[in-house]
PDB file of N, CA and C in Angstrom:
ATOM      1  N   GLY A   1       0.802  -1.187   0.000  1.00  0.00           N
ATOM      2  CA  GLY A   1       0.000   0.000   0.000  1.00  0.00           C
ATOM      3  C   GLY A   1       0.852   1.261   0.000  1.00  0.00           C
ATOM      4  N   PHE A   2       1.968   1.219   0.755  1.00  0.00           N
ATOM      5  CA  PHE A   2       2.838   2.396   0.827  1.00  0.00           C
ATOM      6  C   PHE A   2       3.394   2.759  -0.536  1.00  0.00           C
ATOM      7  N   ILE A   3       3.851   1.761  -1.278  1.00  0.00           N
ATOM      8  CA  ILE A   3       4.434   2.029  -2.599  1.00  0.00           C
ATOM      9  C   ILE A   3       3.380   2.605  -3.533  1.00  0.00           C
ATOM     10  N   LEU A   4       2.183   2.064  -3.516  1.00  0.00           N
ATOM     11  CA  LEU A   4       1.109   2.537  -4.375  1.00  0.00           C
ATOM     12  C   LEU A   4       0.754   3.985  -4.067  1.00  0.00           C
ATOM     13  N   VAL A   5       0.604   4.305  -2.790  1.00  0.00           N
ATOM     14  CA  VAL A   5       0.222   5.663  -2.398  1.00  0.00           C
ATOM     15  C   VAL A   5       1.358   6.652  -2.620  1.00  0.00           C
ATOM     16  N   ALA A   6       2.562   6.282  -2.219  1.00  0.00           N
ATOM     17  CA  ALA A   6       3.691   7.212  -2.330  1.00  0.00           C
ATOM     18  C   ALA A   6       4.033   7.514  -3.781  1.00  0.00           C
ATOM     19  N   ALA A   7       4.037   6.519  -4.625  1.00  0.00           N
ATOM     20  CA  ALA A   7       4.367   6.749  -6.031  1.00  0.00           C
ATOM     21  C   ALA A   7       3.221   7.421  -6.779  1.00  0.00           C
ATOM     22  N   GLY A   8       1.988   7.143  -6.400  1.00  0.00           N
ATOM     23  CA  GLY A   8       0.839   7.708  -7.103  1.00  0.00           C
ATOM     24  C   GLY A   8       0.355   9.037  -6.574  1.00  0.00           C
ATOM     25  N   MET A   9       0.973   9.547  -5.526  1.00  0.00           N
ATOM     26  CA  MET A   9       0.551  10.814  -4.935  1.00  0.00           C
ATOM     27  C   MET A   9       0.647  11.967  -5.935  1.00  0.00           C
ATOM     28  N   VAL A  10       1.559  11.879  -6.871  1.00  0.00           N
ATOM     29  CA  VAL A  10       1.721  12.950  -7.848  1.00  0.00           C
ATOM     30  C   VAL A  10       0.476  13.101  -8.714  1.00  0.00           C
ATOM     31  N   PHE A  11      -0.239  12.037  -8.969  1.00  0.00           N
ATOM     32  CA  PHE A  11      -1.434  12.116  -9.801  1.00  0.00           C
ATOM     33  C   PHE A  11      -2.576  12.810  -9.061  1.00  0.00           C
ATOM     34  N   TYR A  12      -2.704  12.527  -7.783  1.00  0.00           N
ATOM     35  CA  TYR A  12      -3.721  13.211  -6.985  1.00  0.00           C
ATOM     36  C   TYR A  12      -3.425  14.702  -6.895  1.00  0.00           C
ATOM     37  N   THR A  13      -2.184  15.050  -6.621  1.00  0.00           N
ATOM     38  CA  THR A  13      -1.843  16.462  -6.481  1.00  0.00           C
ATOM     39  C   THR A  13      -1.891  17.194  -7.815  1.00  0.00           C
ATOM     40  N   LEU A  14      -1.665  16.497  -8.918  1.00  0.00           N
ATOM     41  CA  LEU A  14      -1.814  17.123 -10.237  1.00  0.00           C
ATOM     42  C   LEU A  14      -3.272  17.517 -10.452  1.00  0.00           C
ATOM     43  N   GLY A  15      -4.193  16.631 -10.141  1.00  0.00           N
ATOM     44  CA  GLY A  15      -5.610  16.961 -10.249  1.00  0.00           C
ATOM     45  C   GLY A  15      -6.020  18.071  -9.294  1.00  0.00           C
ATOM     46  N   PHE A  16      -5.458  18.061  -8.090  1.00  0.00           N
ATOM     47  CA  PHE A  16      -5.726  19.098  -7.094  1.00  0.00           C
ATOM     48  C   PHE A  16      -5.261  20.456  -7.612  1.00  0.00           C
ATOM     49  N   PHE A  17      -4.054  20.498  -8.179  1.00  0.00           N
ATOM     50  CA  PHE A  17      -3.522  21.745  -8.710  1.00  0.00           C
ATOM     51  C   PHE A  17      -4.333  22.238  -9.903  1.00  0.00           C
ATOM     52  N   LEU A  18      -4.646  21.357 -10.830  1.00  0.00           N
ATOM     53  CA  LEU A  18      -5.396  21.772 -12.016  1.00  0.00           C
ATOM     54  C   LEU A  18      -6.810  22.211 -11.664  1.00  0.00           C
ATOM     55  N   SER A  19      -7.408  21.618 -10.655  1.00  0.00           N
ATOM     56  CA  SER A  19      -8.755  22.033 -10.270  1.00  0.00           C
ATOM     57  C   SER A  19      -8.763  23.432  -9.662  1.00  0.00           C
ATOM     58  N   HIS A  20      -7.649  23.845  -9.067  1.00  0.00           N
ATOM     59  CA  HIS A  20      -7.552  25.201  -8.531  1.00  0.00           C
ATOM     60  C   HIS A  20      -7.126  26.206  -9.593  1.00  0.00           C
ATOM     61  N   THR A  21      -6.523  25.741 -10.652  1.00  0.00           N
ATOM     62  CA  THR A  21      -5.987  26.630 -11.677  1.00  0.00           C
ATOM     63  C   THR A  21      -6.968  26.870 -12.821  1.00  0.00           C
ATOM     64  N   LEU A  22      -7.646  25.829 -13.251  1.00  0.00           N
ATOM     65  CA  LEU A  22      -8.493  25.916 -14.443  1.00  0.00           C
ATOM     66  C   LEU A  22      -9.955  26.099 -14.064  1.00  0.00           C
ATOM     67  N   GLN A  23     -10.676  26.751 -14.958  1.00  0.00           N
ATOM     68  CA  GLN A  23     -12.111  26.881 -14.791  1.00  0.00           C
ATOM     69  C   GLN A  23     -12.791  25.900 -15.729  1.00  0.00           C
ATOM     70  N   GLY A  24     -13.964  25.523 -15.391  1.00  0.00           N
ATOM     71  CA  GLY A  24     -14.702  24.572 -16.220  1.00  0.00           C
ATOM     72  C   GLY A  24     -14.765  23.221 -15.537  1.00  0.00           C
ATOM     73  N   GLU A  25     -15.841  22.539 -15.806  1.00  0.00           N
ATOM     74  CA  GLU A  25     -16.095  21.278 -15.131  1.00  0.00           C
ATOM     75  C   GLU A  25     -15.200  20.147 -15.616  1.00  0.00           C
ATOM     76  N   TYR A  26     -14.894  20.132 -16.902  1.00  0.00           N
ATOM     77  CA  TYR A  26     -14.152  19.016 -17.475  1.00  0.00           C
ATOM     78  C   TYR A  26     -12.737  19.379 -17.891  1.00  0.00           C
ATOM     79  N   ALA A  27     -12.311  20.606 -17.651  1.00  0.00           N
ATOM     80  CA  ALA A  27     -10.976  21.036 -18.075  1.00  0.00           C
ATOM     81  C   ALA A  27      -9.884  20.335 -17.280  1.00  0.00           C
ATOM     82  N   ALA A  28     -10.005  20.321 -15.963  1.00  0.00           N
ATOM     83  CA  ALA A  28      -8.964  19.725 -15.131  1.00  0.00           C
ATOM     84  C   ALA A  28      -8.807  18.222 -15.373  1.00  0.00           C
ATOM     85  N   PRO A  29      -9.890  17.431 -15.388  1.00  0.00           N
ATOM     86  CA  PRO A  29      -9.698  16.000 -15.651  1.00  0.00           C
ATOM     87  C   PRO A  29      -9.170  15.716 -17.059  1.00  0.00           C
ATOM     88  N   GLY A  30      -9.626  16.474 -18.039  1.00  0.00           N
ATOM     89  CA  GLY A  30      -9.165  16.257 -19.411  1.00  0.00           C
ATOM     90  C   GLY A  30      -7.685  16.542 -19.577  1.00  0.00           C
ATOM     91  N   ILE A  31      -7.243  17.659 -19.039  1.00  0.00           N
ATOM     92  CA  ILE A  31      -5.823  18.005 -19.146  1.00  0.00           C
ATOM     93  C   ILE A  31      -4.975  17.058 -18.302  1.00  0.00           C
ATOM     94  N   ALA A  32      -5.459  16.684 -17.127  1.00  0.00           N
ATOM     95  CA  ALA A  32      -4.704  15.762 -16.270  1.00  0.00           C
ATOM     96  C   ALA A  32      -4.522  14.408 -16.952  1.00  0.00           C
ATOM     97  N   LEU A  33      -5.568  13.893 -17.564  1.00  0.00           N
ATOM     98  CA  LEU A  33      -5.442  12.613 -18.260  1.00  0.00           C
ATOM     99  C   LEU A  33      -4.481  12.704 -19.432  1.00  0.00           C
ATOM    100  N   GLY A  34      -4.500  13.828 -20.146  1.00  0.00           N
ATOM    101  CA  GLY A  34      -3.553  14.019 -21.234  1.00  0.00           C
ATOM    102  C   GLY A  34      -2.120  14.091 -20.739  1.00  0.00           C
ATOM    103  N   LEU A  35      -1.899  14.792 -19.638  1.00  0.00           N
ATOM    104  CA  LEU A  35      -0.546  14.885 -19.072  1.00  0.00           C
ATOM    105  C   LEU A  35      -0.062  13.538 -18.543  1.00  0.00           C
ATOM    106  N   ILE A  36      -0.953  12.786 -17.935  1.00  0.00           N
ATOM    107  CA  ILE A  36      -0.575  11.469 -17.427  1.00  0.00           C
ATOM    108  C   ILE A  36      -0.237  10.527 -18.579  1.00  0.00           C
ATOM    109  N   ALA A  37      -0.999  10.582 -19.652  1.00  0.00           N
ATOM    110  CA  ALA A  37      -0.706   9.752 -20.823  1.00  0.00           C
ATOM    111  C   ALA A  37       0.637  10.139 -21.442  1.00  0.00           C
ATOM    112  N   ALA A  38       0.908  11.432 -21.536  1.00  0.00           N
ATOM    113  CA  ALA A  38       2.198  11.873 -22.069  1.00  0.00           C
ATOM    114  C   ALA A  38       3.345  11.441 -21.160  1.00  0.00           C
ATOM    115  N   PHE A  39       3.140  11.523 -19.847  1.00  0.00           N
ATOM    116  CA  PHE A  39       4.165  11.086 -18.902  1.00  0.00           C
ATOM    117  C   PHE A  39       4.419   9.588 -19.030  1.00  0.00           C
ATOM    118  N   TYR A  40       3.370   8.826 -19.241  1.00  0.00           N
ATOM    119  CA  TYR A  40       3.520   7.377 -19.427  1.00  0.00           C
ATOM    120  C   TYR A  40       4.368   7.080 -20.660  1.00  0.00           C
ATOM    121  N   VAL A  41       4.092   7.758 -21.760  1.00  0.00           N
ATOM    122  CA  VAL A  41       4.858   7.537 -22.987  1.00  0.00           C
ATOM    123  C   VAL A  41       6.303   7.985 -22.803  1.00  0.00           C
ATOM    124  N   PHE A  42       6.507   9.121 -22.135  1.00  0.00           N
ATOM    125  CA  PHE A  42       7.859   9.627 -21.889  1.00  0.00           C
ATOM    126  C   PHE A  42       8.691   8.652 -21.063  1.00  0.00           C
ATOM    127  N   THR A  43       8.094   8.076 -20.034  1.00  0.00           N
ATOM    128  CA  THR A  43       8.864   7.200 -19.160  1.00  0.00           C
ATOM    129  C   THR A  43       9.126   5.831 -19.768  1.00  0.00           C
ATOM    130  N   LYS A  44       8.574   5.556 -20.920  1.00  0.00           N
ATOM    131  CA  LYS A  44       8.900   4.325 -21.631  1.00  0.00           C
ATOM    132  C   LYS A  44      10.194   4.460 -22.433  1.00  0.00           C
ATOM    133  N   LEU A  45      10.724   5.679 -22.520  1.00  0.00           N
ATOM    134  CA  LEU A  45      12.016   5.876 -23.174  1.00  0.00           C
ATOM    135  C   LEU A  45      13.111   5.278 -22.296  1.00  0.00           C
ATOM    136  N   PRO A  46      14.153   4.721 -22.915  1.00  0.00           N
ATOM    137  CA  PRO A  46      15.179   4.019 -22.123  1.00  0.00           C
ATOM    138  C   PRO A  46      15.869   4.888 -21.068  1.00  0.00           C
ATOM    139  N   ARG A  47      16.136   6.126 -21.343  1.00  0.00           N
ATOM    140  CA  ARG A  47      16.857   6.970 -20.377  1.00  0.00           C
ATOM    141  C   ARG A  47      15.977   7.420 -19.221  1.00  0.00           C
ATOM    142  N   LEU A  48      14.683   7.449 -19.404  1.00  0.00           N
ATOM    143  CA  LEU A  48      13.768   7.903 -18.356  1.00  0.00           C
ATOM    144  C   LEU A  48      13.061   6.744 -17.655  1.00  0.00           C
ATOM    145  N   ASP A  49      13.535   5.532 -17.866  1.00  0.00           N
ATOM    146  CA  ASP A  49      12.901   4.350 -17.272  1.00  0.00           C
ATOM    147  C   ASP A  49      12.950   4.371 -15.749  1.00  0.00           C
ATOM    148  N   SER A  50      13.952   5.010 -15.163  1.00  0.00           N
ATOM    149  CA  SER A  50      14.061   5.032 -13.698  1.00  0.00           C
ATOM    150  C   SER A  50      13.005   5.925 -13.061  1.00  0.00           C
ATOM    151  N   LEU A  51      12.354   6.801 -13.827  1.00  0.00           N
ATOM    152  CA  LEU A  51      11.321   7.688 -13.303  1.00  0.00           C
ATOM    153  C   LEU A  51       9.904   7.143 -13.489  1.00  0.00           C
ATOM    154  N   ASN A  52       9.790   5.933 -13.969  1.00  0.00           N
ATOM    155  CA  ASN A  52       8.493   5.349 -14.277  1.00  0.00           C
ATOM    156  C   ASN A  52       7.752   4.993 -12.989  1.00  0.00           C
ATOM    157  N   VAL A  53       6.824   5.851 -12.579  1.00  0.00           N
ATOM    158  CA  VAL A  53       6.064   5.596 -11.355  1.00  0.00           C
ATOM    159  C   VAL A  53       4.989   4.537 -11.565  1.00  0.00           C
ATOM    160  N   PHE A  54       4.631   4.269 -12.800  1.00  0.00           N
ATOM    161  CA  PHE A  54       3.611   3.262 -13.066  1.00  0.00           C
ATOM    162  C   PHE A  54       4.125   1.870 -12.693  1.00  0.00           C
ATOM    163  N   ASP A  55       5.369   1.573 -13.040  1.00  0.00           N
ATOM    164  CA  ASP A  55       5.958   0.294 -12.640  1.00  0.00           C
ATOM    165  C   ASP A  55       6.226   0.261 -11.144  1.00  0.00           C
ATOM    166  N   ALA A  56       6.526   1.404 -10.560  1.00  0.00           N
ATOM    167  CA  ALA A  56       6.756   1.450  -9.113  1.00  0.00           C
ATOM    168  C   ALA A  56       5.447   1.228  -8.357  1.00  0.00           C
ATOM    169  N   MET A  57       4.335   1.744  -8.880  1.00  0.00           N
ATOM    170  CA  MET A  57       3.050   1.609  -8.179  1.00  0.00           C
ATOM    171  C   MET A  57       2.579   0.161  -8.127  1.00  0.00           C
ATOM    172  N   ASP A  58       2.802  -0.593  -9.185  1.00  0.00           N
ATOM    173  CA  ASP A  58       2.339  -1.981  -9.133  1.00  0.00           C
ATOM    174  C   ASP A  58       3.350  -2.903  -8.466  1.00  0.00           C
ATOM    175  N   GLY A  59       4.593  -2.470  -8.306  1.00  0.00           N
ATOM    176  CA  GLY A  59       5.590  -3.223  -7.556  1.00  0.00           C
ATOM    177  C   GLY A  59       6.049  -4.498  -8.215  1.00  0.00           C
ATOM    178  N   LYS A  60       5.835  -4.648  -9.513  1.00  0.00           N
ATOM    179  CA  LYS A  60       6.135  -5.924 -10.161  1.00  0.00           C
ATOM    180  C   LYS A  60       7.616  -6.282 -10.135  1.00  0.00           C
ATOM    181  N   ARG A  61       8.483  -5.292 -10.054  1.00  0.00           N
ATOM    182  CA  ARG A  61       9.923  -5.573  -9.998  1.00  0.00           C
ATOM    183  C   ARG A  61      10.413  -5.781  -8.565  1.00  0.00           C
ATOM    184  N   HIS A  62       9.579  -5.511  -7.584  1.00  0.00           N
ATOM    185  CA  HIS A  62      10.031  -5.514  -6.195  1.00  0.00           C
ATOM    186  C   HIS A  62       9.323  -6.542  -5.323  1.00  0.00           C
ATOM    187  N   LEU A  63       8.407  -7.289  -5.908  1.00  0.00           N
ATOM    188  CA  LEU A  63       7.714  -8.328  -5.155  1.00  0.00           C
ATOM    189  C   LEU A  63       8.370  -9.677  -5.430  1.00  0.00           C
ATOM    190  N   VAL A  64       8.346 -10.554  -4.442  1.00  0.00           N
ATOM    191  CA  VAL A  64       9.013 -11.845  -4.541  1.00  0.00           C
ATOM    192  C   VAL A  64       8.035 -12.909  -5.004  1.00  0.00           C
ATOM    193  N   GLY A  65       8.286 -13.444  -6.175  1.00  0.00           N
ATOM    194  CA  GLY A  65       7.594 -14.607  -6.705  1.00  0.00           C
ATOM    195  C   GLY A  65       6.103 -14.680  -6.475  1.00  0.00           C
ATOM    196  N   LYS A  66       5.633 -15.842  -6.099  1.00  0.00           N
ATOM    197  CA  LYS A  66       4.210 -16.083  -5.914  1.00  0.00           C
ATOM    198  C   LYS A  66       3.703 -15.660  -4.543  1.00  0.00           C
ATOM    199  N   THR A  67       4.606 -15.311  -3.633  1.00  0.00           N
ATOM    200  CA  THR A  67       4.174 -14.899  -2.295  1.00  0.00           C
ATOM    201  C   THR A  67       3.728 -13.442  -2.272  1.00  0.00           C
ATOM    202  N   PHE A  68       4.173 -12.652  -3.231  1.00  0.00           N
ATOM    203  CA  PHE A  68       3.869 -11.223  -3.331  1.00  0.00           C
ATOM    204  C   PHE A  68       4.312 -10.442  -2.098  1.00  0.00           C
ATOM    205  N   LEU A  69       5.364 -10.918  -1.446  1.00  0.00           N
ATOM    206  CA  LEU A  69       5.962 -10.180  -0.353  1.00  0.00           C
ATOM    207  C   LEU A  69       7.007  -9.226  -0.920  1.00  0.00           C
ATOM    208  N   LEU A  70       7.224  -8.131  -0.235  1.00  0.00           N
ATOM    209  CA  LEU A  70       8.181  -7.141  -0.692  1.00  0.00           C
ATOM    210  C   LEU A  70       9.596  -7.686  -0.564  1.00  0.00           C
ATOM    211  N   GLY A  71      10.370  -7.522  -1.624  1.00  0.00           N
ATOM    212  CA  GLY A  71      11.750  -7.982  -1.629  1.00  0.00           C
ATOM    213  C   GLY A  71      12.666  -7.028  -0.887  1.00  0.00           C
ATOM    214  N   SER A  72      13.934  -7.144  -1.153  1.00  0.00           N
ATOM    215  CA  SER A  72      14.915  -6.351  -0.424  1.00  0.00           C
ATOM    216  C   SER A  72      15.058  -4.932  -0.969  1.00  0.00           C
ATOM    217  N   SER A  73      14.564  -4.664  -2.157  1.00  0.00           N
ATOM    218  CA  SER A  73      14.738  -3.332  -2.741  1.00  0.00           C
ATOM    219  C   SER A  73      13.395  -2.612  -2.867  1.00  0.00           C
ATOM    220  N   LEU A  74      13.467  -1.311  -2.771  1.00  0.00           N
ATOM    221  CA  LEU A  74      12.297  -0.454  -2.980  1.00  0.00           C
ATOM    222  C   LEU A  74      12.565   0.451  -4.171  1.00  0.00           C
ATOM    223  N   PRO A  75      11.533   0.859  -4.887  1.00  0.00           N
ATOM    224  CA  PRO A  75      11.732   1.807  -5.992  1.00  0.00           C
ATOM    225  C   PRO A  75      11.929   3.221  -5.444  1.00  0.00           C
ATOM    226  N   VAL A  76      13.091   3.484  -4.905  1.00  0.00           N
ATOM    227  CA  VAL A  76      13.349   4.733  -4.187  1.00  0.00           C
ATOM    228  C   VAL A  76      13.304   5.941  -5.111  1.00  0.00           C
ATOM    229  N   THR A  77      13.918   5.859  -6.265  1.00  0.00           N
ATOM    230  CA  THR A  77      13.976   7.020  -7.166  1.00  0.00           C
ATOM    231  C   THR A  77      12.593   7.461  -7.637  1.00  0.00           C
ATOM    232  N   PRO A  78      11.740   6.563  -8.157  1.00  0.00           N
ATOM    233  CA  PRO A  78      10.408   7.023  -8.571  1.00  0.00           C
ATOM    234  C   PRO A  78       9.567   7.544  -7.412  1.00  0.00           C
ATOM    235  N   ILE A  79       9.670   6.912  -6.254  1.00  0.00           N
ATOM    236  CA  ILE A  79       8.899   7.370  -5.101  1.00  0.00           C
ATOM    237  C   ILE A  79       9.370   8.751  -4.671  1.00  0.00           C
ATOM    238  N   ALA A  80      10.678   8.955  -4.606  1.00  0.00           N
ATOM    239  CA  ALA A  80      11.212  10.261  -4.207  1.00  0.00           C
ATOM    240  C   ALA A  80      10.814  11.346  -5.201  1.00  0.00           C
ATOM    241  N   MET A  81      10.921  11.065  -6.488  1.00  0.00           N
ATOM    242  CA  MET A  81      10.555  12.055  -7.500  1.00  0.00           C
ATOM    243  C   MET A  81       9.052  12.346  -7.444  1.00  0.00           C
ATOM    244  N   SER A  82       8.244  11.335  -7.203  1.00  0.00           N
ATOM    245  CA  SER A  82       6.801  11.536  -7.099  1.00  0.00           C
ATOM    246  C   SER A  82       6.449  12.401  -5.897  1.00  0.00           C
ATOM    247  N   LEU A  83       7.063  12.133  -4.758  1.00  0.00           N
ATOM    248  CA  LEU A  83       6.774  12.913  -3.561  1.00  0.00           C
ATOM    249  C   LEU A  83       7.275  14.349  -3.678  1.00  0.00           C
ATOM    250  N   ILE A  84       8.423  14.555  -4.319  1.00  0.00           N
ATOM    251  CA  ILE A  84       8.930  15.917  -4.532  1.00  0.00           C
ATOM    252  C   ILE A  84       7.990  16.689  -5.447  1.00  0.00           C
ATOM    253  N   ALA A  85       7.551  16.049  -6.533  1.00  0.00           N
ATOM    254  CA  ALA A  85       6.611  16.702  -7.443  1.00  0.00           C
ATOM    255  C   ALA A  85       5.284  16.982  -6.751  1.00  0.00           C
ATOM    256  N   ALA A  86       4.837  16.063  -5.882  1.00  0.00           N
ATOM    257  CA  ALA A  86       3.583  16.259  -5.155  1.00  0.00           C
ATOM    258  C   ALA A  86       3.682  17.447  -4.207  1.00  0.00           C
ATOM    259  N   MET A  87       4.795  17.561  -3.496  1.00  0.00           N
ATOM    260  CA  MET A  87       4.976  18.703  -2.594  1.00  0.00           C
ATOM    261  C   MET A  87       5.015  20.016  -3.367  1.00  0.00           C
ATOM    262  N   PHE A  88       5.654  20.010  -4.529  1.00  0.00           N
ATOM    263  CA  PHE A  88       5.722  21.196  -5.369  1.00  0.00           C
ATOM    264  C   PHE A  88       4.330  21.594  -5.860  1.00  0.00           C
ATOM    265  N   LEU A  89       3.535  20.624  -6.287  1.00  0.00           N
ATOM    266  CA  LEU A  89       2.190  20.918  -6.780  1.00  0.00           C
ATOM    267  C   LEU A  89       1.266  21.397  -5.666  1.00  0.00           C
ATOM    268  N   VAL A  90       1.406  20.859  -4.467  1.00  0.00           N
ATOM    269  CA  VAL A  90       0.602  21.332  -3.337  1.00  0.00           C
ATOM    270  C   VAL A  90       0.991  22.767  -2.983  1.00  0.00           C
ATOM    271  N   ALA A  91       2.284  23.071  -3.021  1.00  0.00           N
ATOM    272  CA  ALA A  91       2.733  24.438  -2.747  1.00  0.00           C
ATOM    273  C   ALA A  91       2.206  25.406  -3.799  1.00  0.00           C
ATOM    274  N   LEU A  92       2.225  24.998  -5.063  1.00  0.00           N
ATOM    275  CA  LEU A  92       1.665  25.842  -6.123  1.00  0.00           C
ATOM    276  C   LEU A  92       0.159  26.035  -5.949  1.00  0.00           C
ATOM    277  N   SER A  93      -0.534  24.995  -5.526  1.00  0.00           N
ATOM    278  CA  SER A  93      -1.978  25.105  -5.279  1.00  0.00           C
ATOM    279  C   SER A  93      -2.262  26.070  -4.138  1.00  0.00           C
ATOM    280  N   ALA A  94      -1.485  25.975  -3.077  1.00  0.00           N
ATOM    281  CA  ALA A  94      -1.677  26.885  -1.939  1.00  0.00           C
ATOM    282  C   ALA A  94      -1.402  28.319  -2.352  1.00  0.00           C
ATOM    283  N   TRP A  95      -0.388  28.518  -3.162  1.00  0.00           N
ATOM    284  CA  TRP A  95      -0.069  29.862  -3.646  1.00  0.00           C
ATOM    285  C   TRP A  95      -1.198  30.385  -4.534  1.00  0.00           C
ATOM    286  N   GLN A  96      -1.752  29.523  -5.356  1.00  0.00           N
ATOM    287  CA  GLN A  96      -2.847  29.897  -6.252  1.00  0.00           C
ATOM    288  C   GLN A  96      -4.094  30.275  -5.442  1.00  0.00           C
ATOM    289  N   VAL A  97      -4.420  29.506  -4.416  1.00  0.00           N
ATOM    290  CA  VAL A  97      -5.608  29.773  -3.611  1.00  0.00           C
ATOM    291  C   VAL A  97      -5.409  31.045  -2.792  1.00  0.00           C
ATOM    292  N   ARG A  98      -4.210  31.310  -2.325  1.00  0.00           N
ATOM    293  CA  ARG A  98      -3.938  32.506  -1.548  1.00  0.00           C
ATOM    294  C   ARG A  98      -4.184  33.768  -2.365  1.00  0.00           C
ATOM    295  N   LYS A  99      -3.990  33.706  -3.670  1.00  0.00           N
ATOM    296  CA  LYS A  99      -4.218  34.871  -4.526  1.00  0.00           C
ATOM    297  C   LYS A  99      -5.711  35.164  -4.717  1.00  0.00           C
ATOM    298  N   LEU A 100      -6.560  34.154  -4.513  1.00  0.00           N
ATOM    299  CA  LEU A 100      -7.996  34.329  -4.741  1.00  0.00           C
ATOM    300  C   LEU A 100      -8.625  35.139  -3.620  1.00  0.00           C
ATOM    301  N   ASP A 101      -9.652  35.872  -3.965  1.00  0.00           N
ATOM    302  CA  ASP A 101     -10.385  36.655  -2.991  1.00  0.00           C
ATOM    303  C   ASP A 101     -11.738  35.986  -2.773  1.00  0.00           C
ATOM    304  N   PHE A 102     -11.940  35.443  -1.600  1.00  0.00           N
ATOM    305  CA  PHE A 102     -13.191  34.768  -1.297  1.00  0.00           C
ATOM    306  C   PHE A 102     -14.155  35.798  -0.839  1.00  0.00           C
TER     307      PHE A 102
END
């Protein structure tokens, strides 16, 4: 569960940021899905394979055989990059909301 949440947090915060930035009911989900699809294609390139959070979220390289127990290694790089991007997007969202006049 930790790997799934930590690596996938960037997708939640991307939607959170876009919902505060864009107007319209379907603008934020549409743009977020497009960005996620582009990110998926980008991370399939050989040099960017270490940033692939999709493989980190399912844990297929880090689970042991048929027991599905976590092995000795964790996908540290994708998780760290996802959490850094998530913190950045939350900070941008807070900055965006602070500018609004309620």
